[in-house]
Amino acid sequence: MRLHWTTRTILLLLILLSISGCENNTKQTESTVPPVGNEVKSDLSGTIVMMTNRIDLIENGTFQGYADQFKQKYPEANVEFEGLSNYATDILVRLSTKDAGDVLLLPVNLPSKELDYFFEPLDEETSASERFTSFATYDGKRYGLSTGTTTVGIVYNKRSFEKAGITAVPQTLDQFYEACAKLKEAGIIPLYMNYGAVWPLREWGNSLVNYMTGNPEYLNNMVNEDSPWQLDNEWGKSISIARTLIAKGYVENELFSNNWEISKTRLAKGQAGMYLLGNWAVGQVLDVGASPDDIGFFPFPYDNSSTHYAPINPDWFVGVSKYSKNKELAMAWLNFFVKETSYSDDWGFLPADGSLNPFMPQYREFLSYEPKLVYGTVQSDAFIDLANGAKLSFWSGDYIQELLAAPDLQKSFDELNAKWTEARVATQVTSQP
């Protein structure tokens, strides 16, 4: 059902794009937004809305705290927040109706060639410290700043490991399975997969596949293949690990319930042992009561080799809506939120600014295991177009849920390959003059 919904939202976007194209000539006469630096401009006033996926930070008052700090700098300015629980899909609908607030996270499934239709370009001063220079850009213009930097690994509870008799973190896949068995025997959920929440399953699919080879272009290169899903390649390896964990009872029992919030509490209390998620999850587990001394982080040992790759990727990018009625204030808030608030440190991100050092002790532990860091590259428009054409929800995790539940993985891979091949043919036909 969610796949069909995503398709409809993309069709809405295509309609809007055609309308926007007709408006280009008139938009060129609009005044450009003046550069916004760090200087205090007390004349900025009005109310803007920021769209976000972090509903929890709206509910617990964190975002309002940042807005209060901003108001000290701009007394006549107000920032309000609206959260979307299924952001990657829901924001497409809001963009299609030009009702996406003033500042928002850039959709990961929006081709870069379409950024100009929905987002305001940033000035050079605003963009100067951005670490990921190839992301959120098109035709020499930047449309967003990363809100933080992430890697992916195993977030674990040290007290759970001690209770299960695990004296060292696993550094091979066999050791990882052995640790899971010990945790299960001790009455602890070995790994909380969050199957029912769906979106965390992305880590077992395109995320793991794209870094376990050490080639950040792995997904982008899929556009050159008719049958990229194979049992004996990275797709088969990554999905098979997750299926093994489910088959052996090393994950939560209530698979079909969305227990994301509950899972954080269970990991914090030691009732669950591990997550496979980004370093940002450390902050969320600490926020529900875990002691910083009890939570650790290590690279995921996806095979039995002595060293493993780990990704370095930007978190969500944030930008200013093309349709904002107060772009100058929106730009000021964008700069303030990314560069002056403590957001990245508060919530377990690595600094978005490449000139700053990591704050997290858990990340220092992660680096002590000497993973080979793979810096991410932007998903190409060709890949996004093919994924949309094949109706594959790479950014929501739905298809991973289906693969994990499939009675016959090879058959499911064959079905994905057929959709992919059909989309490749259609794309090649439409691209011909």
Protein backbone atom coordinates (compact mmCIF):
# COMPACT_ATOMS: atom_id res chain seq x y z
CA MET A 1 0.00 0.00 0.00
CA ARG A 2 2.77 2.44 0.90
CA LEU A 3 4.48 1.79 -2.44
CA HIS A 4 1.35 2.90 -4.31
CA TRP A 5 1.07 5.98 -2.11
CA THR A 6 4.66 6.93 -2.89
CA THR A 7 3.91 6.60 -6.60
CA ARG A 8 0.93 8.94 -6.33
CA THR A 9 2.96 11.56 -4.49
CA ILE A 10 5.66 11.45 -7.15
CA LEU A 11 2.98 11.96 -9.82
CA LEU A 12 1.78 15.01 -7.89
CA LEU A 13 5.31 16.35 -7.89
CA LEU A 14 5.61 15.85 -11.64
CA ILE A 15 2.44 17.88 -12.15
CA LEU A 16 3.81 20.64 -9.94
CA LEU A 17 7.11 20.59 -11.80
CA SER A 18 5.33 21.23 -15.09
CA ILE A 19 3.51 24.17 -13.52
CA SER A 20 6.72 25.50 -12.01
CA GLY A 21 8.45 25.29 -15.36
CA CYS A 22 5.84 27.62 -16.82
CA GLU A 23 6.44 30.07 -13.99
CA ASN A 24 10.23 30.23 -14.37
CA ASN A 25 10.28 33.43 -16.41
CA THR A 26 8.22 35.34 -13.87
CA LYS A 27 10.24 33.99 -10.95
CA GLN A 28 13.45 35.33 -12.42
CA THR A 29 12.22 38.85 -11.72
CA GLU A 30 11.84 38.17 -7.98
CA SER A 31 14.43 39.72 -5.68
CA THR A 32 17.11 37.41 -4.37
CA VAL A 33 17.53 36.74 -0.67
CA PRO A 34 20.39 38.79 0.82
CA PRO A 35 23.21 36.81 2.45
CA VAL A 36 22.67 36.05 6.10
CA GLY A 37 25.72 35.77 8.33
CA ASN A 38 26.13 35.66 12.09
CA GLU A 39 25.50 39.34 12.70
CA VAL A 40 22.50 40.33 14.82
CA LYS A 41 19.71 41.84 12.71
CA SER A 42 17.03 42.94 15.13
CA ASP A 43 14.78 44.07 12.26
CA LEU A 44 14.02 40.46 11.29
CA SER A 45 10.49 39.63 12.35
CA GLY A 46 7.56 37.35 11.68
CA THR A 47 6.70 33.70 12.15
CA ILE A 48 8.15 30.78 10.20
CA VAL A 49 7.46 27.03 10.34
CA MET A 50 10.09 24.29 10.28
CA MET A 51 9.07 20.82 9.07
CA THR A 52 10.90 17.93 10.72
CA ASN A 53 10.92 14.17 11.23
CA ARG A 54 11.87 14.61 14.90
CA ILE A 55 8.44 14.63 16.48
CA ASP A 56 10.03 13.61 19.77
CA LEU A 57 12.04 16.83 19.91
CA ILE A 58 8.89 18.86 19.37
CA GLU A 59 7.06 17.01 22.14
CA ASN A 60 9.88 17.21 24.70
CA GLY A 61 10.47 20.93 24.12
CA THR A 62 13.98 20.66 22.67
CA PHE A 63 13.13 22.47 19.46
CA GLN A 64 11.28 25.17 21.37
CA GLY A 65 14.43 25.67 23.42
CA TYR A 66 16.38 26.32 20.22
CA ALA A 67 13.64 28.71 19.07
CA ASP A 68 13.85 30.59 22.38
CA GLN A 69 17.61 31.02 21.88
CA PHE A 70 16.92 32.33 18.37
CA LYS A 71 14.39 34.79 19.77
CA GLN A 72 17.06 36.26 22.03
CA LYS A 73 18.95 37.17 18.88
CA TYR A 74 15.89 38.24 16.88
CA PRO A 75 13.26 39.40 19.43
CA GLU A 76 10.50 39.89 16.86
CA ALA A 77 10.98 36.46 15.25
CA ASN A 78 9.05 33.28 16.05
CA VAL A 79 9.77 29.73 14.92
CA GLU A 80 7.09 27.04 15.02
CA PHE A 81 7.55 23.33 14.29
CA GLU A 82 5.54 20.64 12.55
CA GLY A 83 6.52 16.97 12.63
CA LEU A 84 5.82 14.27 10.06
CA SER A 85 6.01 10.65 11.20
CA ASN A 86 6.64 9.26 7.70
CA TYR A 87 8.67 12.19 6.49
CA ALA A 88 10.16 10.78 3.26
CA THR A 89 6.68 10.14 1.86
CA ASP A 90 4.56 12.81 3.55
CA ILE A 91 6.81 15.73 2.63
CA LEU A 92 6.34 14.97 -1.07
CA VAL A 93 2.61 15.56 -0.67
CA ARG A 94 3.23 18.84 1.15
CA LEU A 95 5.68 20.03 -1.50
CA SER A 96 3.19 19.22 -4.23
CA THR A 97 0.71 21.64 -2.63
CA LYS A 98 3.35 24.29 -1.82
CA ASP A 99 2.50 23.78 1.86
CA ALA A 100 5.82 22.60 3.28
CA GLY A 101 6.61 25.31 5.78
CA ASP A 102 9.51 27.74 5.47
CA VAL A 103 12.45 25.55 6.51
CA LEU A 104 12.40 21.81 5.92
CA LEU A 105 14.46 18.66 5.46
CA LEU A 106 15.27 17.93 1.83
CA PRO A 107 13.56 14.71 0.63
CA VAL A 108 16.18 12.05 -0.03
CA ASN A 109 14.16 10.72 -2.96
CA LEU A 110 13.96 14.04 -4.81
CA PRO A 111 16.34 14.16 -7.81
CA SER A 112 18.88 16.97 -7.53
CA LYS A 113 17.76 18.37 -10.88
CA GLU A 114 14.42 19.25 -9.24
CA LEU A 115 15.82 21.05 -6.18
CA ASP A 116 15.44 24.48 -7.76
CA TYR A 117 11.69 23.99 -8.13
CA PHE A 118 11.18 23.67 -4.39
CA PHE A 119 14.17 25.17 -2.56
CA GLU A 120 15.96 28.49 -2.33
CA PRO A 121 19.69 28.44 -3.24
CA LEU A 122 22.07 29.24 -0.37
CA ASP A 123 24.73 31.94 -0.50
CA GLU A 124 28.45 31.12 -0.43
CA GLU A 125 28.94 32.24 3.18
CA THR A 126 26.19 29.92 4.39
CA SER A 127 27.61 26.99 2.41
CA ALA A 128 31.30 27.53 3.19
CA SER A 129 31.74 24.95 5.97
CA GLU A 130 29.64 22.15 4.45
CA ARG A 131 31.56 18.85 4.58
CA PHE A 132 29.51 16.98 1.95
CA THR A 133 30.00 19.20 -1.06
CA SER A 134 28.38 16.90 -3.64
CA PHE A 135 25.06 16.59 -1.78
CA ALA A 136 22.05 18.92 -2.06
CA THR A 137 23.54 20.72 -5.06
CA TYR A 138 22.68 21.18 -8.70
CA ASP A 139 24.18 23.27 -11.47
CA GLY A 140 26.69 24.91 -9.14
CA LYS A 141 24.14 25.92 -6.50
CA ARG A 142 23.69 24.53 -2.99
CA TYR A 143 20.20 24.07 -1.57
CA GLY A 144 20.77 22.57 1.86
CA LEU A 145 23.11 22.14 4.83
CA SER A 146 23.62 18.81 6.60
CA THR A 147 22.25 18.75 10.13
CA GLY A 148 24.92 16.33 11.27
CA THR A 149 27.21 13.53 10.22
CA THR A 150 26.52 9.87 10.87
CA THR A 151 28.08 6.47 10.70
CA VAL A 152 26.38 3.10 11.21
CA GLY A 153 27.26 0.36 13.65
CA ILE A 154 26.10 -1.64 16.63
CA VAL A 155 24.74 0.43 19.51
CA TYR A 156 24.92 -1.86 22.55
CA ASN A 157 24.27 -2.01 26.28
CA LYS A 158 27.47 -2.95 28.14
CA ARG A 159 25.52 -4.20 31.18
CA SER A 160 23.58 -6.59 28.92
CA PHE A 161 26.84 -7.93 27.55
CA GLU A 162 28.22 -8.43 31.07
CA LYS A 163 25.08 -10.27 32.20
CA ALA A 164 25.35 -12.58 29.18
CA GLY A 165 29.03 -13.27 29.84
CA ILE A 166 30.28 -11.45 26.75
CA THR A 167 33.74 -10.14 27.63
CA ALA A 168 34.66 -8.49 24.31
CA VAL A 169 32.65 -6.97 21.48
CA PRO A 170 32.32 -9.32 18.49
CA GLN A 171 34.65 -8.50 15.62
CA THR A 172 33.60 -11.23 13.16
CA LEU A 173 30.17 -12.38 12.01
CA ASP A 174 30.56 -15.73 13.76
CA GLN A 175 31.41 -13.94 17.00
CA PHE A 176 28.37 -11.71 16.48
CA TYR A 177 26.07 -14.74 16.20
CA GLU A 178 27.73 -16.23 19.31
CA ALA A 179 27.07 -13.01 21.23
CA CYS A 180 23.43 -13.10 20.12
CA ALA A 181 23.10 -16.68 21.38
CA LYS A 182 24.52 -15.73 24.79
CA LEU A 183 22.19 -12.74 25.10
CA LYS A 184 19.17 -14.87 24.22
CA GLU A 185 20.18 -17.49 26.77
CA ALA A 186 20.43 -14.75 29.40
CA GLY A 187 16.83 -13.69 28.70
CA ILE A 188 17.83 -10.54 26.80
CA ILE A 189 16.58 -9.60 23.34
CA PRO A 190 19.86 -9.89 21.40
CA LEU A 191 19.13 -7.31 18.70
CA TYR A 192 16.12 -5.06 18.39
CA MET A 193 15.50 -4.92 14.63
CA ASN A 194 12.36 -2.75 14.80
CA TYR A 195 10.78 -4.75 12.00
CA GLY A 196 7.37 -3.25 12.71
CA ALA A 197 8.59 0.35 12.54
CA VAL A 198 9.84 -0.41 8.99
CA TRP A 199 12.21 2.55 8.48
CA PRO A 200 15.06 1.05 10.60
CA LEU A 201 15.18 -1.87 8.14
CA ARG A 202 16.95 0.38 5.64
CA GLU A 203 20.15 -0.39 7.53
CA TRP A 204 19.89 -4.04 6.41
CA GLY A 205 19.37 -3.07 2.78
CA ASN A 206 20.73 -0.20 0.74
CA SER A 207 22.74 1.21 3.67
CA LEU A 208 24.73 -1.96 4.47
CA VAL A 209 25.00 -2.96 0.80
CA ASN A 210 26.47 0.40 -0.13
CA TYR A 211 29.33 0.37 2.37
CA MET A 212 30.23 -3.29 2.96
CA THR A 213 32.04 -3.36 -0.40
CA GLY A 214 34.01 -0.21 0.36
CA ASN A 215 32.52 1.29 -2.80
CA PRO A 216 30.18 4.23 -2.06
CA GLU A 217 28.99 4.13 -5.69
CA TYR A 218 27.62 0.58 -5.38
CA LEU A 219 23.97 1.64 -5.50
CA ASN A 220 24.55 4.20 -8.23
CA ASN A 221 26.22 1.52 -10.34
CA MET A 222 23.06 -0.59 -10.18
CA VAL A 223 21.69 1.51 -13.04
CA ASN A 224 24.01 -0.45 -15.33
CA GLU A 225 22.66 -3.86 -14.28
CA ASP A 226 19.47 -5.71 -15.19
CA SER A 227 19.67 -8.12 -12.23
CA PRO A 228 21.44 -6.45 -9.28
CA TRP A 229 19.73 -8.62 -6.64
CA GLN A 230 21.63 -11.89 -6.30
CA LEU A 231 22.03 -14.37 -3.46
CA ASP A 232 25.82 -14.40 -3.83
CA ASN A 233 26.41 -10.64 -3.92
CA GLU A 234 26.13 -7.92 -1.28
CA TRP A 235 22.34 -7.88 -1.45
CA GLY A 236 22.16 -11.59 -0.75
CA LYS A 237 24.73 -11.37 2.04
CA SER A 238 23.10 -8.47 3.88
CA ILE A 239 19.53 -9.77 3.68
CA SER A 240 20.66 -13.27 4.64
CA ILE A 241 22.26 -11.98 7.85
CA ALA A 242 19.01 -10.30 8.86
CA ARG A 243 16.96 -13.39 7.94
CA THR A 244 19.31 -15.55 10.03
CA LEU A 245 18.80 -13.31 13.06
CA ILE A 246 15.02 -13.63 12.70
CA ALA A 247 15.13 -17.39 12.12
CA LYS A 248 17.25 -18.00 15.23
CA GLY A 249 15.04 -15.83 17.44
CA TYR A 250 17.74 -13.22 17.97
CA VAL A 251 15.34 -10.28 17.45
CA GLU A 252 12.18 -9.03 19.16
CA ASN A 253 9.16 -11.39 19.24
CA GLU A 254 6.49 -8.80 18.41
CA LEU A 255 7.78 -8.23 14.88
CA PHE A 256 4.72 -6.56 13.43
CA SER A 257 4.25 -3.93 16.15
CA ASN A 258 5.78 -0.49 15.79
CA ASN A 259 7.67 -0.41 19.08
CA TRP A 260 10.39 2.10 18.24
CA GLU A 261 9.88 4.18 21.39
CA ILE A 262 9.57 1.05 23.54
CA SER A 263 12.73 -0.41 22.03
CA LYS A 264 14.79 2.57 23.19
CA THR A 265 13.67 2.04 26.77
CA ARG A 266 14.41 -1.68 26.56
CA LEU A 267 17.92 -1.04 25.28
CA ALA A 268 18.47 1.63 27.93
CA LYS A 269 17.40 -0.78 30.71
CA GLY A 270 19.42 -3.70 29.35
CA GLN A 271 16.34 -5.71 28.35
CA ALA A 272 17.67 -5.59 24.78
CA GLY A 273 21.31 -5.87 23.82
CA MET A 274 21.88 -4.18 20.47
CA TYR A 275 20.68 -2.05 17.56
CA LEU A 276 22.13 -1.82 14.06
CA LEU A 277 21.64 1.92 13.55
CA GLY A 278 23.48 5.20 13.19
CA ASN A 279 25.39 6.91 15.98
CA TRP A 280 22.41 9.26 16.37
CA ALA A 281 20.60 6.39 18.14
CA VAL A 282 23.06 6.66 21.04
CA GLY A 283 21.62 10.05 22.00
CA GLN A 284 18.06 8.75 21.83
CA VAL A 285 18.86 5.82 24.13
CA LEU A 286 20.57 8.15 26.61
CA ASP A 287 17.57 10.47 26.47
CA VAL A 288 15.26 7.76 27.85
CA GLY A 289 17.45 7.16 30.89
CA ALA A 290 20.50 5.09 29.99
CA SER A 291 23.79 5.96 31.65
CA PRO A 292 26.41 7.17 29.15
CA ASP A 293 28.82 4.67 30.72
CA ASP A 294 26.49 1.79 29.84
CA ILE A 295 26.07 2.48 26.13
CA GLY A 296 28.76 1.63 23.59
CA PHE A 297 29.19 1.56 19.84
CA PHE A 298 31.23 -0.68 17.54
CA PRO A 299 31.46 -1.37 13.78
CA PHE A 300 29.10 -4.05 12.47
CA PRO A 301 31.08 -7.26 11.68
CA TYR A 302 29.13 -8.27 8.56
CA ASP A 303 31.61 -11.05 7.66
CA ASN A 304 34.52 -12.98 9.15
CA SER A 305 37.32 -10.79 7.83
CA SER A 306 39.66 -9.00 10.23
CA THR A 307 38.62 -5.47 9.21
CA HIS A 308 35.33 -3.93 8.15
CA TYR A 309 34.09 -0.86 6.34
CA ALA A 310 31.87 1.73 7.99
CA PRO A 311 30.13 4.66 6.29
CA ILE A 312 30.47 8.36 6.91
CA ASN A 313 27.31 10.01 5.64
CA PRO A 314 25.43 13.26 6.12
CA ASP A 315 22.23 13.15 8.08
CA TRP A 316 19.24 15.00 6.67
CA PHE A 317 19.89 18.24 4.82
CA VAL A 318 17.83 21.27 5.74
CA GLY A 319 16.91 24.06 3.35
CA VAL A 320 14.57 26.99 2.75
CA SER A 321 11.33 26.54 0.84
CA LYS A 322 11.03 28.30 -2.50
CA TYR A 323 7.51 29.24 -1.42
CA SER A 324 8.39 30.75 1.96
CA LYS A 325 6.88 34.21 2.50
CA ASN A 326 9.75 35.20 4.79
CA LYS A 327 12.91 33.85 3.17
CA GLU A 328 15.31 36.17 4.96
CA LEU A 329 14.09 35.04 8.38
CA ALA A 330 14.07 31.43 7.18
CA MET A 331 17.70 31.74 6.06
CA ALA A 332 18.66 33.25 9.41
CA TRP A 333 17.03 30.34 11.24
CA LEU A 334 18.72 27.81 8.94
CA ASN A 335 22.14 29.26 9.77
CA PHE A 336 21.36 29.45 13.47
CA PHE A 337 19.95 25.93 13.73
CA VAL A 338 22.85 24.22 11.94
CA LYS A 339 25.74 26.36 13.17
CA GLU A 340 24.82 27.81 16.56
CA THR A 341 22.54 25.36 18.36
CA SER A 342 23.86 22.27 20.15
CA TYR A 343 21.64 19.99 18.05
CA SER A 344 24.40 17.72 16.72
CA ASP A 345 26.00 17.21 20.16
CA ASP A 346 22.68 16.91 21.99
CA TRP A 347 21.41 14.10 19.79
CA GLY A 348 24.45 12.00 19.10
CA PHE A 349 25.50 13.31 15.70
CA LEU A 350 29.03 13.94 14.60
CA PRO A 351 29.68 17.60 13.71
CA ALA A 352 28.28 18.72 10.36
CA ASP A 353 31.09 21.26 10.19
CA GLY A 354 34.19 19.40 9.03
CA SER A 355 36.46 21.67 11.06
CA LEU A 356 35.08 20.46 14.43
CA ASN A 357 36.11 17.38 16.42
CA PRO A 358 33.62 14.66 17.46
CA PHE A 359 32.20 15.04 20.97
CA MET A 360 30.79 11.52 21.51
CA PRO A 361 32.84 9.09 23.63
CA GLN A 362 30.93 6.26 21.95
CA TYR A 363 32.27 7.37 18.58
CA ARG A 364 35.79 7.35 19.97
CA GLU A 365 35.17 3.75 21.03
CA PHE A 366 33.88 3.02 17.53
CA LEU A 367 37.07 4.39 15.95
CA SER A 368 39.25 2.39 18.34
CA TYR A 369 38.29 -0.76 16.41
CA GLU A 370 39.85 0.84 13.31
CA PRO A 371 37.09 0.46 10.72
CA LYS A 372 37.84 1.59 7.19
CA LEU A 373 35.70 4.70 6.76
CA VAL A 374 33.86 5.10 3.47
CA TYR A 375 32.65 8.62 2.70
CA GLY A 376 29.23 8.57 1.12
CA THR A 377 28.39 10.03 -2.26
CA VAL A 378 25.08 11.45 -3.36
CA GLN A 379 22.56 9.12 -4.97
CA SER A 380 22.52 9.93 -8.66
CA ASP A 381 19.42 11.20 -10.41
CA ALA A 382 19.65 8.14 -12.65
CA PHE A 383 19.40 5.84 -9.62
CA ILE A 384 16.52 7.80 -8.08
CA ASP A 385 14.65 7.85 -11.39
CA LEU A 386 15.10 4.09 -11.80
CA ALA A 387 14.04 3.37 -8.22
CA ASN A 388 10.92 5.49 -8.65
CA GLY A 389 10.21 3.90 -12.03
CA ALA A 390 10.51 0.43 -10.51
CA LYS A 391 8.26 1.51 -7.61
CA LEU A 392 10.88 0.47 -5.05
CA SER A 393 10.74 2.26 -1.71
CA PHE A 394 14.49 2.42 -1.05
CA TRP A 395 13.98 5.25 1.44
CA SER A 396 11.19 3.79 3.56
CA GLY A 397 12.31 0.19 4.18
CA ASP A 398 9.10 -1.46 2.95
CA TYR A 399 10.83 -3.70 0.44
CA ILE A 400 13.31 -4.93 3.08
CA GLN A 401 10.40 -6.00 5.26
CA GLU A 402 9.04 -8.00 2.33
CA LEU A 403 12.43 -9.62 1.63
CA LEU A 404 12.88 -10.63 5.27
CA ALA A 405 9.45 -12.29 5.32
CA ALA A 406 9.72 -13.94 1.89
CA PRO A 407 9.41 -17.77 1.88
CA ASP A 408 11.78 -17.89 -1.10
CA LEU A 409 14.41 -15.14 -1.20
CA GLN A 410 15.58 -16.05 -4.71
CA LYS A 411 12.02 -15.69 -6.02
CA SER A 412 11.69 -12.29 -4.35
CA PHE A 413 15.02 -11.21 -5.85
CA ASP A 414 13.80 -12.35 -9.28
CA GLU A 415 10.69 -10.19 -8.89
CA LEU A 416 12.81 -7.16 -7.94
CA ASN A 417 15.13 -7.77 -10.88
CA ALA A 418 12.15 -7.94 -13.25
CA LYS A 419 10.84 -4.58 -11.99
CA TRP A 420 14.33 -3.09 -12.25
CA THR A 421 14.85 -4.34 -15.82
CA GLU A 422 11.46 -3.00 -16.89
CA ALA A 423 12.27 0.40 -15.39
CA ARG A 424 15.68 0.44 -17.12
CA VAL A 425 14.06 -0.24 -20.49
CA ALA A 426 11.42 2.45 -19.91
CA THR A 427 14.06 4.97 -18.86
CA GLN A 428 16.19 4.25 -21.92
CA VAL A 429 13.18 4.66 -24.21
CA THR A 430 12.09 7.98 -22.70
CA SER A 431 15.65 9.35 -22.81
CA GLN A 432 15.97 8.79 -26.54
CA PRO A 433 15.46 11.89 -28.71
